[in-house]
């Protein structure tokens, strides 16, 4: 190596090392980042029926922690997995209630209040739009799903029958959250979060105006 070449080679080696370190850091951060796939992996690797009460609590705490770190889109994707409904069925009512309490976004309470103030026709439209978007997400997450079953309002095991939809429209979602069973609340959570997304984006909900001068 000539004296002229030495600085150039050292610079190139330093640049290559910098890129290697950056790539390694990127892969490390990516491996630690919660994803819908990690939620599915946690569900697939744990059969709640074969675990002790303490083991179940540990698994459900991990699940809640993962869900709380996901973006709204990723949370929806995670719940659209075929395994989600099976896992939910293995949980007790107390476990479902605790998971709901730990993972329900804070903005849902505000959404429920806004939903109660909407006229029935607006409520109905908001429900229909949210169900449609959830159905599309379900088919996107599972392309092999039976397309015929997607037209009846099924949201990964929850059947939103016309009667149930009308009840939600007429009585409001807050009634379901106050009086419904833990299973009903857990199944309604994806719909609640989708409605919240709609409110935050202004779809189907009246936009809030800042208070004017008095």
Protein backbone atom coordinates (compact mmCIF):
# COMPACT_ATOMS: atom_id res chain seq x y z
CA UNK A 1 0.00 0.00 0.00
CA UNK A 2 1.49 3.31 -1.06
CA UNK A 3 1.30 6.39 1.20
CA UNK A 4 -1.15 7.95 -1.25
CA UNK A 5 -3.48 5.00 -1.21
CA UNK A 6 -3.48 4.53 2.58
CA UNK A 7 -5.86 7.45 3.48
CA UNK A 8 -8.30 6.48 0.71
CA UNK A 9 -8.40 2.83 1.78
CA UNK A 10 -8.77 3.76 5.44
CA UNK A 11 -11.62 6.13 4.57
CA UNK A 12 -13.39 3.45 2.54
CA UNK A 13 -12.93 0.93 5.37
CA UNK A 14 -14.32 3.43 7.87
CA UNK A 15 -17.32 4.11 5.63
CA UNK A 16 -17.99 0.39 5.21
CA UNK A 17 -17.76 -0.09 8.99
CA UNK A 18 -20.18 2.79 9.57
CA UNK A 19 -22.70 1.29 7.14
CA UNK A 20 -22.29 -2.13 8.77
CA UNK A 21 -22.93 -0.69 12.23
CA UNK A 22 -25.95 1.29 10.98
CA UNK A 23 -27.41 -1.78 9.29
CA UNK A 24 -26.82 -3.91 12.39
CA UNK A 25 -28.52 -1.27 14.55
CA UNK A 26 -31.46 -1.09 12.14
CA UNK A 27 -31.91 -4.86 12.22
CA UNK A 28 -31.69 -4.87 16.01
CA UNK A 29 -34.29 -2.13 16.42
CA UNK A 30 -36.52 -3.83 13.89
CA UNK A 31 -36.26 -7.15 15.71
CA UNK A 32 -37.29 -5.49 18.98
CA UNK A 33 -40.19 -3.52 17.50
CA UNK A 34 -43.64 -4.99 18.25
CA UNK A 35 -45.48 -6.14 15.13
CA UNK A 36 -48.73 -8.00 14.33
CA UNK A 37 -46.59 -11.03 13.51
CA UNK A 38 -45.22 -11.02 17.05
CA UNK A 39 -48.76 -10.91 18.43
CA UNK A 40 -49.69 -13.88 16.25
CA UNK A 41 -46.54 -15.73 17.34
CA UNK A 42 -47.38 -15.16 21.00
CA UNK A 43 -50.91 -16.46 20.46
CA UNK A 44 -49.79 -19.51 18.48
CA UNK A 45 -47.16 -20.51 21.01
CA UNK A 46 -49.46 -20.38 24.04
CA UNK A 47 -52.44 -22.63 24.62
CA UNK A 48 -54.14 -20.96 27.58
CA UNK A 49 -56.03 -24.11 28.48
CA UNK A 50 -52.75 -25.88 29.27
CA UNK A 51 -51.26 -23.07 31.42
CA UNK A 52 -51.47 -22.41 35.14
CA UNK A 53 -53.28 -19.26 36.34
CA UNK A 54 -49.96 -17.48 36.90
CA UNK A 55 -48.67 -18.50 33.46
CA UNK A 56 -51.90 -17.23 31.89
CA UNK A 57 -51.46 -13.87 33.63
CA UNK A 58 -47.89 -13.58 32.32
CA UNK A 59 -48.95 -14.37 28.74
CA UNK A 60 -51.86 -11.93 28.84
CA UNK A 61 -49.64 -9.18 30.26
CA UNK A 62 -47.23 -9.74 27.37
CA UNK A 63 -50.13 -9.62 24.93
CA UNK A 64 -51.44 -6.35 26.40
CA UNK A 65 -47.96 -4.82 26.28
CA UNK A 66 -47.55 -5.79 22.62
CA UNK A 67 -50.98 -4.45 21.64
CA UNK A 68 -50.38 -1.15 23.42
CA UNK A 69 -47.17 -0.58 21.45
CA UNK A 70 -48.77 -1.21 18.05
CA UNK A 71 -50.12 1.49 15.78
CA UNK A 72 -53.92 1.51 15.30
CA UNK A 73 -53.47 -0.12 11.88
CA UNK A 74 -51.25 -2.87 13.29
CA UNK A 75 -53.64 -3.49 16.20
CA UNK A 76 -56.42 -4.01 13.70
CA UNK A 77 -54.24 -6.34 11.63
CA UNK A 78 -53.32 -8.38 14.70
CA UNK A 79 -56.97 -8.87 15.64
CA UNK A 80 -57.89 -9.93 12.14
CA UNK A 81 -55.68 -13.04 12.43
CA UNK A 82 -57.70 -16.29 12.43
CA UNK A 83 -56.06 -17.28 15.73
CA UNK A 84 -57.38 -14.22 17.59
CA UNK A 85 -60.94 -15.49 17.97
CA UNK A 86 -59.75 -18.92 19.15
CA UNK A 87 -57.44 -17.30 21.71
CA UNK A 88 -60.25 -15.04 22.90
CA UNK A 89 -62.52 -18.04 23.42
CA UNK A 90 -59.91 -19.59 25.74
CA UNK A 91 -59.99 -16.57 28.05
CA UNK A 92 -62.26 -16.23 31.07
CA UNK A 93 -64.66 -13.30 31.39
CA UNK A 94 -62.38 -11.76 34.01
CA UNK A 95 -59.37 -12.07 31.71
CA UNK A 96 -61.28 -10.50 28.81
CA UNK A 97 -62.39 -7.61 31.01
CA UNK A 98 -58.83 -7.02 32.22
CA UNK A 99 -57.37 -7.18 28.72
CA UNK A 100 -60.00 -4.73 27.50
CA UNK A 101 -59.27 -2.34 30.35
CA UNK A 102 -55.52 -2.50 29.70
CA UNK A 103 -55.68 -2.09 25.92
CA UNK A 104 -58.69 0.13 25.21
CA UNK A 105 -57.33 3.47 23.92
CA UNK A 106 -58.14 6.49 26.05
CA UNK A 107 -59.83 8.26 23.14
CA UNK A 108 -62.57 5.62 22.95
CA UNK A 109 -64.42 7.24 25.87
CA UNK A 110 -64.58 10.49 23.93
CA UNK A 111 -65.76 8.61 20.85
CA UNK A 112 -68.56 6.94 22.80
CA UNK A 113 -69.79 10.31 24.02
CA UNK A 114 -69.71 11.71 20.48
CA UNK A 115 -71.51 8.63 19.14
CA UNK A 116 -74.31 9.07 21.69
CA UNK A 117 -74.93 12.62 20.45
CA UNK A 118 -75.30 11.61 16.80
CA UNK A 119 -78.76 11.10 15.24
CA UNK A 120 -79.69 7.50 14.51
CA UNK A 121 -79.12 7.77 10.75
CA UNK A 122 -75.58 9.04 11.34
CA UNK A 123 -74.93 6.31 13.89
CA UNK A 124 -76.11 3.69 11.43
CA UNK A 125 -73.87 5.07 8.67
CA UNK A 126 -70.86 5.21 11.01
CA UNK A 127 -71.41 1.57 12.02
CA UNK A 128 -71.85 0.40 8.43
CA UNK A 129 -68.72 2.23 7.27
CA UNK A 130 -66.63 0.84 10.13
CA UNK A 131 -67.88 -2.71 9.54
CA UNK A 132 -67.02 -2.38 5.86
CA UNK A 133 -63.47 -1.22 6.62
CA UNK A 134 -62.97 -4.02 9.14
CA UNK A 135 -64.27 -6.55 6.64
CA UNK A 136 -61.81 -5.27 4.02
CA UNK A 137 -58.98 -5.49 6.56
CA UNK A 138 -60.03 -9.04 7.43
CA UNK A 139 -59.87 -10.15 3.81
CA UNK A 140 -56.56 -8.37 3.30
CA UNK A 141 -55.08 -10.11 6.34
CA UNK A 142 -56.41 -13.48 5.21
CA UNK A 143 -56.76 -13.55 1.39
CA UNK A 144 -57.85 -17.18 1.54
CA UNK A 145 -60.89 -16.35 3.67
CA UNK A 146 -64.23 -17.26 2.20
CA UNK A 147 -65.41 -14.12 0.43
CA UNK A 148 -69.02 -15.17 0.79
CA UNK A 149 -68.80 -15.13 4.57
CA UNK A 150 -67.42 -11.59 4.50
CA UNK A 151 -70.71 -10.19 3.26
CA UNK A 152 -72.70 -11.05 6.39
CA UNK A 153 -70.88 -8.64 8.71
CA UNK A 154 -68.69 -11.22 10.37
CA UNK A 155 -65.76 -9.63 12.17
CA UNK A 156 -63.46 -12.51 13.02
CA UNK A 157 -66.05 -14.49 14.90
CA UNK A 158 -68.43 -11.68 15.83
CA UNK A 159 -71.66 -11.68 13.88
CA UNK A 160 -73.03 -8.16 13.49
CA UNK A 161 -76.53 -9.23 12.58
CA UNK A 162 -79.04 -6.62 11.42
CA UNK A 163 -80.76 -6.93 14.81
CA UNK A 164 -77.53 -6.29 16.70
CA UNK A 165 -76.64 -3.35 14.48
CA UNK A 166 -80.05 -1.76 15.06
CA UNK A 167 -79.67 -2.28 18.80
CA UNK A 168 -76.29 -0.57 18.75
CA UNK A 169 -77.78 2.27 16.71
CA UNK A 170 -80.86 2.72 18.90
CA UNK A 171 -79.35 2.25 22.36
CA UNK A 172 -75.81 3.47 21.68
CA UNK A 173 -72.46 1.80 22.18
CA UNK A 174 -72.07 3.16 25.69
CA UNK A 175 -74.89 0.92 26.85
CA UNK A 176 -73.06 -2.11 25.50
CA UNK A 177 -69.86 -1.08 27.25
CA UNK A 178 -71.68 -0.39 30.53
CA UNK A 179 -74.01 -3.39 30.58
CA UNK A 180 -72.67 -5.93 28.07
CA UNK A 181 -70.85 -9.10 28.96
CA UNK A 182 -67.06 -9.26 28.96
CA UNK A 183 -67.20 -11.39 25.80
CA UNK A 184 -69.39 -8.86 23.99
CA UNK A 185 -67.11 -6.00 25.01
CA UNK A 186 -64.01 -7.87 23.88
CA UNK A 187 -65.59 -8.66 20.53
CA UNK A 188 -66.75 -5.08 20.08
CA UNK A 189 -63.30 -3.61 20.74
CA UNK A 190 -62.14 -3.69 17.08
CA UNK A 191 -65.34 -1.89 16.09
CA UNK A 192 -64.86 0.70 18.84
CA UNK A 193 -61.30 1.41 17.74
CA UNK A 194 -62.36 1.66 14.10
CA UNK A 195 -65.05 4.17 15.07
CA UNK A 196 -62.43 6.10 17.02
CA UNK A 197 -60.21 6.20 13.92
CA UNK A 198 -63.18 7.56 12.00
CA UNK A 199 -63.76 10.27 14.59
CA UNK A 200 -60.11 11.32 14.60
CA UNK A 201 -60.10 11.55 10.80
CA UNK A 202 -63.48 13.32 10.70
CA UNK A 203 -65.20 10.49 8.78
CA UNK A 204 -68.83 10.17 9.83
CA UNK A 205 -68.39 12.29 12.95
CA UNK A 206 -69.02 16.03 13.22
CA UNK A 207 -65.77 17.92 13.42
CA UNK A 208 -65.28 19.67 16.72
CA UNK A 209 -64.92 23.41 16.46
CA UNK A 210 -62.73 25.38 18.80
CA UNK A 211 -64.72 27.63 21.14
CA UNK A 212 -65.21 31.11 19.75
CA UNK A 213 -64.65 34.38 21.58
CA UNK A 214 -67.17 35.13 24.29
